[in-house]
Amino acid sequence: NSAGPLSMANTGQANSGGSQFFINVKDNTFLDWFSRGESRHPVFGKVIKGYDTAVKISKVYSQQDRPVEPIMMKSITIR
């Protein structure tokens, strides 16, 4: 889970992943599947273009881990 991977968000309980995901914007080795403990956030992709935008989004003002002003993704491309 270095900077850039897309990972499945969940509640921390087994089989609780749904439609939410997050983009790592720094190295979070504690999320690596080979680190101690169970892997709870499977990686399923990586940002290959526009990573600087993900970093900017990560710096907006938030409360309870949510942006105060909504952020809209106008388009994404999956390859």
N, C-alpha and C. Protein backbone atom coordinates (compact mmCIF):
# COMPACT_ATOMS: atom_id res chain seq x y z
N ASN A 1 0.82 -1.20 0.00
CA ASN A 1 0.00 0.00 0.00
C ASN A 1 0.86 1.25 0.00
N SER A 2 1.71 1.34 -0.98
CA SER A 2 2.47 2.57 -1.17
C SER A 2 1.53 3.62 -1.76
N ALA A 3 2.04 4.77 -2.09
CA ALA A 3 1.20 5.84 -2.64
C ALA A 3 0.66 5.44 -4.01
N GLY A 4 -0.65 5.61 -4.20
CA GLY A 4 -1.28 5.39 -5.49
C GLY A 4 -2.26 4.24 -5.63
N PRO A 5 -2.21 3.17 -4.83
CA PRO A 5 -3.15 2.07 -5.01
C PRO A 5 -4.60 2.43 -4.64
N LEU A 6 -5.54 1.79 -5.31
CA LEU A 6 -6.96 1.86 -4.97
C LEU A 6 -7.26 0.63 -4.12
N SER A 7 -7.87 0.86 -2.97
CA SER A 7 -8.16 -0.24 -2.05
C SER A 7 -9.62 -0.23 -1.67
N MET A 8 -10.15 -1.42 -1.38
CA MET A 8 -11.54 -1.56 -0.98
C MET A 8 -11.72 -1.07 0.45
N ALA A 9 -12.69 -0.19 0.65
CA ALA A 9 -13.03 0.27 1.99
C ALA A 9 -14.01 -0.72 2.61
N ASN A 10 -13.98 -0.83 3.92
CA ASN A 10 -14.91 -1.71 4.63
C ASN A 10 -15.00 -1.29 6.08
N THR A 11 -15.79 -1.99 6.85
CA THR A 11 -15.99 -1.65 8.26
C THR A 11 -14.93 -2.25 9.16
N GLY A 12 -14.06 -3.08 8.60
CA GLY A 12 -13.08 -3.79 9.42
C GLY A 12 -13.53 -5.20 9.74
N GLN A 13 -14.79 -5.50 9.45
CA GLN A 13 -15.31 -6.84 9.66
C GLN A 13 -15.15 -7.66 8.38
N ALA A 14 -15.07 -8.95 8.52
CA ALA A 14 -14.95 -9.83 7.35
C ALA A 14 -16.13 -9.66 6.40
N ASN A 15 -15.86 -9.67 5.10
CA ASN A 15 -16.89 -9.61 4.06
C ASN A 15 -17.78 -8.37 4.13
N SER A 16 -17.23 -7.24 4.57
CA SER A 16 -18.04 -6.03 4.68
C SER A 16 -17.72 -4.99 3.61
N GLY A 17 -16.86 -5.35 2.63
CA GLY A 17 -16.56 -4.43 1.54
C GLY A 17 -17.77 -4.24 0.65
N GLY A 18 -17.95 -3.04 0.18
CA GLY A 18 -19.09 -2.75 -0.69
C GLY A 18 -18.64 -2.00 -1.92
N SER A 19 -19.19 -0.82 -2.11
CA SER A 19 -18.88 -0.03 -3.30
C SER A 19 -17.92 1.11 -3.03
N GLN A 20 -17.46 1.26 -1.80
CA GLN A 20 -16.56 2.37 -1.47
C GLN A 20 -15.11 1.94 -1.61
N PHE A 21 -14.28 2.91 -2.01
CA PHE A 21 -12.86 2.64 -2.14
C PHE A 21 -12.09 3.86 -1.66
N PHE A 22 -10.79 3.69 -1.47
CA PHE A 22 -9.94 4.82 -1.13
C PHE A 22 -8.65 4.72 -1.92
N ILE A 23 -8.00 5.87 -2.10
CA ILE A 23 -6.72 5.95 -2.79
C ILE A 23 -5.67 6.30 -1.75
N ASN A 24 -4.68 5.46 -1.60
CA ASN A 24 -3.58 5.78 -0.69
C ASN A 24 -2.77 6.93 -1.26
N VAL A 25 -2.50 7.94 -0.42
CA VAL A 25 -1.68 9.07 -0.87
C VAL A 25 -0.36 9.13 -0.10
N LYS A 26 -0.08 8.06 0.63
CA LYS A 26 1.22 7.92 1.29
C LYS A 26 1.46 6.43 1.52
N ASP A 27 2.64 6.09 1.95
CA ASP A 27 2.98 4.70 2.20
C ASP A 27 2.36 4.25 3.51
N ASN A 28 1.41 3.32 3.44
CA ASN A 28 0.74 2.76 4.62
C ASN A 28 1.08 1.29 4.73
N THR A 29 2.29 0.99 5.17
CA THR A 29 2.74 -0.40 5.20
C THR A 29 1.88 -1.28 6.10
N PHE A 30 1.22 -0.69 7.09
CA PHE A 30 0.39 -1.51 7.98
C PHE A 30 -0.82 -2.09 7.24
N LEU A 31 -1.12 -1.59 6.04
CA LEU A 31 -2.21 -2.14 5.25
C LEU A 31 -1.76 -3.24 4.29
N ASP A 32 -0.46 -3.47 4.17
CA ASP A 32 0.04 -4.50 3.26
C ASP A 32 -0.45 -5.87 3.68
N TRP A 33 -0.78 -6.70 2.69
CA TRP A 33 -1.31 -8.02 3.00
C TRP A 33 -0.29 -8.90 3.70
N PHE A 34 0.99 -8.60 3.57
CA PHE A 34 2.01 -9.42 4.20
C PHE A 34 2.49 -8.86 5.53
N SER A 35 1.84 -7.79 6.01
CA SER A 35 2.20 -7.25 7.33
C SER A 35 1.49 -8.08 8.40
N ARG A 36 1.83 -7.83 9.63
CA ARG A 36 1.19 -8.57 10.73
C ARG A 36 -0.30 -8.27 10.74
N GLY A 37 -1.09 -9.25 11.07
CA GLY A 37 -2.54 -9.09 11.12
C GLY A 37 -3.18 -9.43 9.79
N GLU A 38 -4.50 -9.39 9.78
CA GLU A 38 -5.25 -9.73 8.58
C GLU A 38 -5.30 -8.55 7.62
N SER A 39 -5.29 -8.83 6.34
CA SER A 39 -5.45 -7.80 5.33
C SER A 39 -6.94 -7.48 5.22
N ARG A 40 -7.29 -6.24 5.47
CA ARG A 40 -8.71 -5.87 5.46
C ARG A 40 -9.07 -4.93 4.32
N HIS A 41 -8.08 -4.50 3.57
CA HIS A 41 -8.33 -3.54 2.49
C HIS A 41 -7.66 -4.01 1.21
N PRO A 42 -8.30 -4.94 0.48
CA PRO A 42 -7.69 -5.46 -0.74
C PRO A 42 -7.42 -4.36 -1.77
N VAL A 43 -6.26 -4.44 -2.39
CA VAL A 43 -5.88 -3.50 -3.45
C VAL A 43 -6.39 -4.07 -4.76
N PHE A 44 -7.06 -3.24 -5.57
CA PHE A 44 -7.59 -3.72 -6.84
C PHE A 44 -7.22 -2.83 -8.03
N GLY A 45 -6.41 -1.82 -7.80
CA GLY A 45 -6.01 -0.95 -8.90
C GLY A 45 -4.96 0.04 -8.45
N LYS A 46 -4.56 0.92 -9.36
CA LYS A 46 -3.55 1.92 -9.05
C LYS A 46 -3.78 3.15 -9.93
N VAL A 47 -3.61 4.32 -9.33
CA VAL A 47 -3.71 5.57 -10.08
C VAL A 47 -2.48 5.66 -10.98
N ILE A 48 -2.71 5.77 -12.28
CA ILE A 48 -1.58 5.86 -13.22
C ILE A 48 -1.47 7.24 -13.85
N LYS A 49 -2.50 8.06 -13.67
CA LYS A 49 -2.49 9.42 -14.20
C LYS A 49 -3.37 10.28 -13.30
N GLY A 50 -2.90 11.47 -12.97
CA GLY A 50 -3.70 12.37 -12.14
C GLY A 50 -3.52 12.17 -10.64
N TYR A 51 -2.45 11.51 -10.25
CA TYR A 51 -2.20 11.27 -8.82
C TYR A 51 -2.16 12.58 -8.04
N ASP A 52 -1.65 13.65 -8.65
CA ASP A 52 -1.58 14.94 -7.97
C ASP A 52 -2.98 15.42 -7.57
N THR A 53 -3.99 15.08 -8.34
CA THR A 53 -5.37 15.45 -8.00
C THR A 53 -5.83 14.69 -6.76
N ALA A 54 -5.48 13.42 -6.65
CA ALA A 54 -5.83 12.63 -5.47
C ALA A 54 -5.19 13.23 -4.22
N VAL A 55 -3.96 13.68 -4.32
CA VAL A 55 -3.28 14.30 -3.19
C VAL A 55 -4.00 15.59 -2.80
N LYS A 56 -4.40 16.41 -3.77
CA LYS A 56 -5.13 17.64 -3.48
C LYS A 56 -6.45 17.34 -2.76
N ILE A 57 -7.16 16.33 -3.23
CA ILE A 57 -8.43 15.94 -2.59
C ILE A 57 -8.18 15.52 -1.15
N SER A 58 -7.07 14.84 -0.89
CA SER A 58 -6.79 14.36 0.47
C SER A 58 -6.53 15.49 1.45
N LYS A 59 -6.27 16.69 0.94
CA LYS A 59 -5.93 17.82 1.81
C LYS A 59 -7.09 18.77 2.07
N VAL A 60 -8.30 18.48 1.53
CA VAL A 60 -9.43 19.36 1.77
C VAL A 60 -9.90 19.22 3.22
N TYR A 61 -10.56 20.25 3.71
CA TYR A 61 -11.06 20.24 5.08
C TYR A 61 -12.12 19.15 5.22
N SER A 62 -12.00 18.34 6.25
CA SER A 62 -12.96 17.25 6.47
C SER A 62 -13.33 17.16 7.94
N GLN A 63 -14.47 16.54 8.19
CA GLN A 63 -14.92 16.22 9.54
C GLN A 63 -15.39 14.78 9.54
N GLN A 64 -15.00 14.03 10.54
CA GLN A 64 -15.34 12.60 10.66
C GLN A 64 -14.97 11.85 9.38
N ASP A 65 -13.80 12.17 8.83
CA ASP A 65 -13.26 11.49 7.65
C ASP A 65 -14.08 11.71 6.38
N ARG A 66 -14.84 12.83 6.35
CA ARG A 66 -15.63 13.18 5.17
C ARG A 66 -15.38 14.64 4.83
N PRO A 67 -15.26 14.96 3.53
CA PRO A 67 -15.09 16.36 3.14
C PRO A 67 -16.30 17.19 3.57
N VAL A 68 -16.06 18.39 4.08
CA VAL A 68 -17.17 19.27 4.47
C VAL A 68 -17.95 19.70 3.22
N GLU A 69 -17.23 20.02 2.16
CA GLU A 69 -17.87 20.33 0.88
C GLU A 69 -17.69 19.12 -0.03
N PRO A 70 -18.78 18.60 -0.61
CA PRO A 70 -18.68 17.42 -1.46
C PRO A 70 -17.70 17.61 -2.62
N ILE A 71 -17.03 16.53 -2.98
CA ILE A 71 -16.11 16.52 -4.12
C ILE A 71 -16.72 15.61 -5.18
N MET A 72 -16.83 16.11 -6.40
CA MET A 72 -17.43 15.32 -7.47
C MET A 72 -16.37 14.88 -8.48
N MET A 73 -16.37 13.59 -8.77
CA MET A 73 -15.53 13.09 -9.86
C MET A 73 -16.35 13.17 -11.12
N LYS A 74 -15.91 13.98 -12.08
CA LYS A 74 -16.66 14.16 -13.32
C LYS A 74 -16.42 13.02 -14.30
N SER A 75 -15.23 12.42 -14.23
CA SER A 75 -14.97 11.27 -15.09
C SER A 75 -13.78 10.48 -14.55
N ILE A 76 -13.81 9.20 -14.82
CA ILE A 76 -12.67 8.31 -14.53
C ILE A 76 -12.54 7.35 -15.70
N THR A 77 -11.38 6.80 -15.87
CA THR A 77 -11.17 5.80 -16.91
C THR A 77 -10.57 4.56 -16.26
N ILE A 78 -11.17 3.43 -16.54
CA ILE A 78 -10.68 2.16 -16.02
C ILE A 78 -10.11 1.37 -17.18
N ARG A 79 -8.87 0.92 -17.03
CA ARG A 79 -8.24 0.12 -18.09
C ARG A 79 -8.01 -1.28 -17.61
